[in-house]
């Protein structure tokens, strides 16, 4: 649809003027990147408070933990699924806007980010939101420290090597809980 409506040529959004970056512990960070980081932290805090303190957030956690028991307690899992989709889409939309402000816009711009998000969730633990955040943070650190020693073209390869290591040696992730029915390979 994007190709039909807007064409295949690369587009840019020049909402925030590009300025000289600030030096921060030897790294250069632009004012736009500061806005992105602050917005992400605020959004993460709001989502955390929403999930812990609101009735809907508690219902979402209940359905995530055990759908059948939540339904017995009177929580409509179909409504919770719908709300989860709406909230997830809103967060993804905000992330897309923030990325679109910094990078060029093209029809396939989010594909690589979806793969990195999936990899971060696997590393941290699929059933754990804090684990997914931790896994994504660690993946980003590993990639960016890794390109100090390797050419930057290997950044994606670093992510896939880490993903394979976790899938082989710790498939439940860092903060994931091993299920009773799961067995180790070779055990």
Protein backbone atom coordinates (compact mmCIF):
# COMPACT_ATOMS: atom_id res chain seq x y z
CA UNK A 1 0.00 0.00 0.00
CA UNK A 2 2.85 2.36 0.82
CA UNK A 3 4.38 1.73 -2.60
CA UNK A 4 1.06 2.43 -4.32
CA UNK A 5 0.32 5.66 -2.47
CA UNK A 6 3.76 7.19 -1.98
CA UNK A 7 6.07 5.46 -4.47
CA UNK A 8 9.34 3.60 -3.96
CA UNK A 9 11.65 6.60 -3.63
CA UNK A 10 13.20 7.39 -0.24
CA UNK A 11 11.51 10.17 1.73
CA UNK A 12 12.64 12.20 4.75
CA UNK A 13 10.89 14.09 7.52
CA UNK A 14 12.68 17.31 8.47
CA UNK A 15 10.67 18.15 11.59
CA UNK A 16 13.61 18.68 13.92
CA UNK A 17 16.56 20.52 12.41
CA UNK A 18 19.78 18.52 12.25
CA UNK A 19 22.31 20.08 14.60
CA UNK A 20 25.79 19.32 15.79
CA UNK A 21 25.75 16.45 18.25
CA UNK A 22 26.73 16.59 21.89
CA UNK A 23 29.66 14.56 23.16
CA UNK A 24 28.62 12.10 25.87
CA UNK A 25 31.28 9.73 27.27
CA UNK A 26 33.13 9.78 23.95
CA UNK A 27 30.01 9.17 21.85
CA UNK A 28 28.26 11.84 19.83
CA UNK A 29 24.50 12.09 20.32
CA UNK A 30 22.23 14.47 18.42
CA UNK A 31 19.40 16.48 20.02
CA UNK A 32 16.92 14.33 18.06
CA UNK A 33 18.41 11.19 19.57
CA UNK A 34 18.04 12.75 23.04
CA UNK A 35 14.34 13.37 22.27
CA UNK A 36 13.97 9.75 21.12
CA UNK A 37 15.64 8.40 24.27
CA UNK A 38 13.59 10.59 26.62
CA UNK A 39 10.34 9.75 24.81
CA UNK A 40 11.16 6.04 24.95
CA UNK A 41 11.91 6.16 28.68
CA UNK A 42 8.70 8.11 29.41
CA UNK A 43 6.68 5.68 27.29
CA UNK A 44 8.27 2.70 29.04
CA UNK A 45 7.49 4.18 32.48
CA UNK A 46 3.89 4.91 31.48
CA UNK A 47 3.45 1.38 30.15
CA UNK A 48 4.93 -0.06 33.36
CA UNK A 49 2.57 1.98 35.55
CA UNK A 50 -0.35 1.05 33.29
CA UNK A 51 0.40 -2.67 33.55
CA UNK A 52 0.93 -2.60 37.33
CA UNK A 53 -1.68 -0.12 38.57
CA UNK A 54 -4.71 -0.08 36.26
CA UNK A 55 -7.51 -2.57 36.20
CA UNK A 56 -7.02 -3.22 32.47
CA UNK A 57 -3.28 -3.76 32.96
CA UNK A 58 -3.90 -6.26 35.73
CA UNK A 59 -6.45 -8.04 33.54
CA UNK A 60 -3.90 -8.20 30.72
CA UNK A 61 -1.37 -9.77 33.04
CA UNK A 62 -3.97 -12.24 34.31
CA UNK A 63 -4.92 -13.34 30.77
CA UNK A 64 -1.24 -13.59 29.87
CA UNK A 65 -0.53 -15.74 32.90
CA UNK A 66 -3.50 -18.12 32.59
CA UNK A 67 -6.30 -17.43 30.13
CA UNK A 68 -8.65 -20.09 31.47
CA UNK A 69 -8.47 -18.95 35.09
CA UNK A 70 -8.89 -15.32 34.01
CA UNK A 71 -12.04 -16.26 32.09
CA UNK A 72 -13.40 -18.07 35.14
CA UNK A 73 -12.81 -14.87 37.15
CA UNK A 74 -14.95 -12.95 34.63
CA UNK A 75 -12.24 -11.40 32.46
CA UNK A 76 -13.11 -11.45 28.76
CA UNK A 77 -9.98 -12.66 27.01
CA UNK A 78 -11.24 -11.48 23.61
CA UNK A 79 -11.59 -7.91 24.93
CA UNK A 80 -8.15 -8.12 26.51
CA UNK A 81 -6.68 -9.37 23.24
CA UNK A 82 -8.29 -6.44 21.42
CA UNK A 83 -6.96 -3.92 23.95
CA UNK A 84 -3.52 -5.51 23.79
CA UNK A 85 -3.55 -5.12 20.01
CA UNK A 86 -4.61 -1.46 20.28
CA UNK A 87 -1.96 -0.61 22.88
CA UNK A 88 0.75 -2.55 21.06
CA UNK A 89 -0.15 -0.84 17.79
CA UNK A 90 -0.04 2.58 19.45
CA UNK A 91 3.40 1.90 20.92
CA UNK A 92 4.62 0.57 17.55
CA UNK A 93 3.20 3.67 15.84
CA UNK A 94 5.05 5.98 18.24
CA UNK A 95 8.25 3.97 17.70
CA UNK A 96 7.75 4.23 13.93
CA UNK A 97 7.35 7.99 14.16
CA UNK A 98 10.50 8.32 16.27
CA UNK A 99 12.53 6.14 13.89
CA UNK A 100 11.04 7.98 10.89
CA UNK A 101 12.26 11.28 12.31
CA UNK A 102 15.84 10.04 12.47
CA UNK A 103 16.10 7.80 9.41
CA UNK A 104 14.92 7.92 5.83
CA UNK A 105 11.44 6.58 5.10
CA UNK A 106 11.16 3.62 2.78
CA UNK A 107 8.59 0.82 2.41
CA UNK A 108 10.72 -1.86 4.10
CA UNK A 109 12.20 0.29 6.86
CA UNK A 110 10.74 -1.65 9.80
CA UNK A 111 11.65 -5.17 8.75
CA UNK A 112 15.13 -5.14 10.29
CA UNK A 113 13.76 -3.58 13.49
CA UNK A 114 11.13 -6.32 13.83
CA UNK A 115 13.83 -8.96 13.54
CA UNK A 116 15.92 -7.18 16.19
CA UNK A 117 12.89 -6.88 18.48
CA UNK A 118 12.17 -10.58 18.10
CA UNK A 119 15.81 -11.39 18.82
CA UNK A 120 15.78 -9.17 21.93
CA UNK A 121 12.60 -10.88 23.17
CA UNK A 122 14.18 -14.33 22.70
CA UNK A 123 17.35 -13.27 24.53
CA UNK A 124 15.44 -11.77 27.45
CA UNK A 125 12.67 -14.33 27.67
CA UNK A 126 9.52 -14.39 25.54
CA UNK A 127 7.06 -14.43 28.45
CA UNK A 128 8.73 -11.56 30.30
CA UNK A 129 8.32 -7.89 29.37
CA UNK A 130 11.29 -6.82 31.55
CA UNK A 131 13.24 -9.69 30.00
CA UNK A 132 12.46 -8.51 26.48
CA UNK A 133 13.59 -4.99 27.41
CA UNK A 134 16.77 -6.34 29.02
CA UNK A 135 17.43 -8.64 26.07
CA UNK A 136 16.99 -5.82 23.56
CA UNK A 137 19.26 -3.55 25.59
CA UNK A 138 21.96 -6.23 25.81
CA UNK A 139 21.61 -6.98 22.09
CA UNK A 140 22.07 -3.30 21.25
CA UNK A 141 25.16 -3.08 23.48
CA UNK A 142 26.65 -6.26 22.02
CA UNK A 143 26.11 -5.07 18.45
CA UNK A 144 27.54 -1.61 19.04
CA UNK A 145 30.53 -2.81 21.05
CA UNK A 146 31.05 -5.62 18.54
CA UNK A 147 31.52 -3.20 15.65
CA UNK A 148 34.48 -1.68 17.47
CA UNK A 149 36.32 -4.90 16.64
CA UNK A 150 34.55 -5.98 13.45
CA UNK A 151 33.43 -4.04 10.37
CA UNK A 152 29.98 -2.45 10.78
CA UNK A 153 28.59 -4.75 8.08
CA UNK A 154 28.76 -7.56 10.65
CA UNK A 155 26.28 -5.87 13.02
CA UNK A 156 23.38 -8.09 11.94
CA UNK A 157 25.62 -11.16 12.04
CA UNK A 158 26.47 -10.39 15.68
CA UNK A 159 22.75 -10.34 16.50
CA UNK A 160 22.14 -13.68 14.79
CA UNK A 161 25.12 -15.35 16.47
CA UNK A 162 23.80 -14.21 19.87
CA UNK A 163 20.32 -15.44 18.93
CA UNK A 164 21.67 -18.88 17.96
CA UNK A 165 23.69 -19.11 21.18
CA UNK A 166 20.59 -18.38 23.25
CA UNK A 167 18.41 -20.76 21.25
CA UNK A 168 20.90 -23.57 21.78
CA UNK A 169 22.03 -23.02 25.38
CA UNK A 170 19.21 -21.03 27.06
CA UNK A 171 16.04 -21.13 24.93
CA UNK A 172 13.88 -19.66 27.71
CA UNK A 173 16.03 -16.48 27.72
CA UNK A 174 17.64 -14.56 30.57
CA UNK A 175 14.52 -13.87 32.63
CA UNK A 176 12.32 -16.57 31.11
CA UNK A 177 11.04 -19.38 33.29
CA UNK A 178 11.71 -22.95 32.28
CA UNK A 179 8.43 -24.85 31.94
CA UNK A 180 8.01 -28.23 33.65
CA UNK A 181 7.57 -30.12 30.36
CA UNK A 182 10.71 -28.65 28.78
CA UNK A 183 13.73 -30.93 28.52
CA UNK A 184 17.32 -30.05 27.83
CA UNK A 185 18.87 -31.35 24.62
CA UNK A 186 20.67 -34.60 25.32
CA UNK A 187 19.08 -35.08 28.74
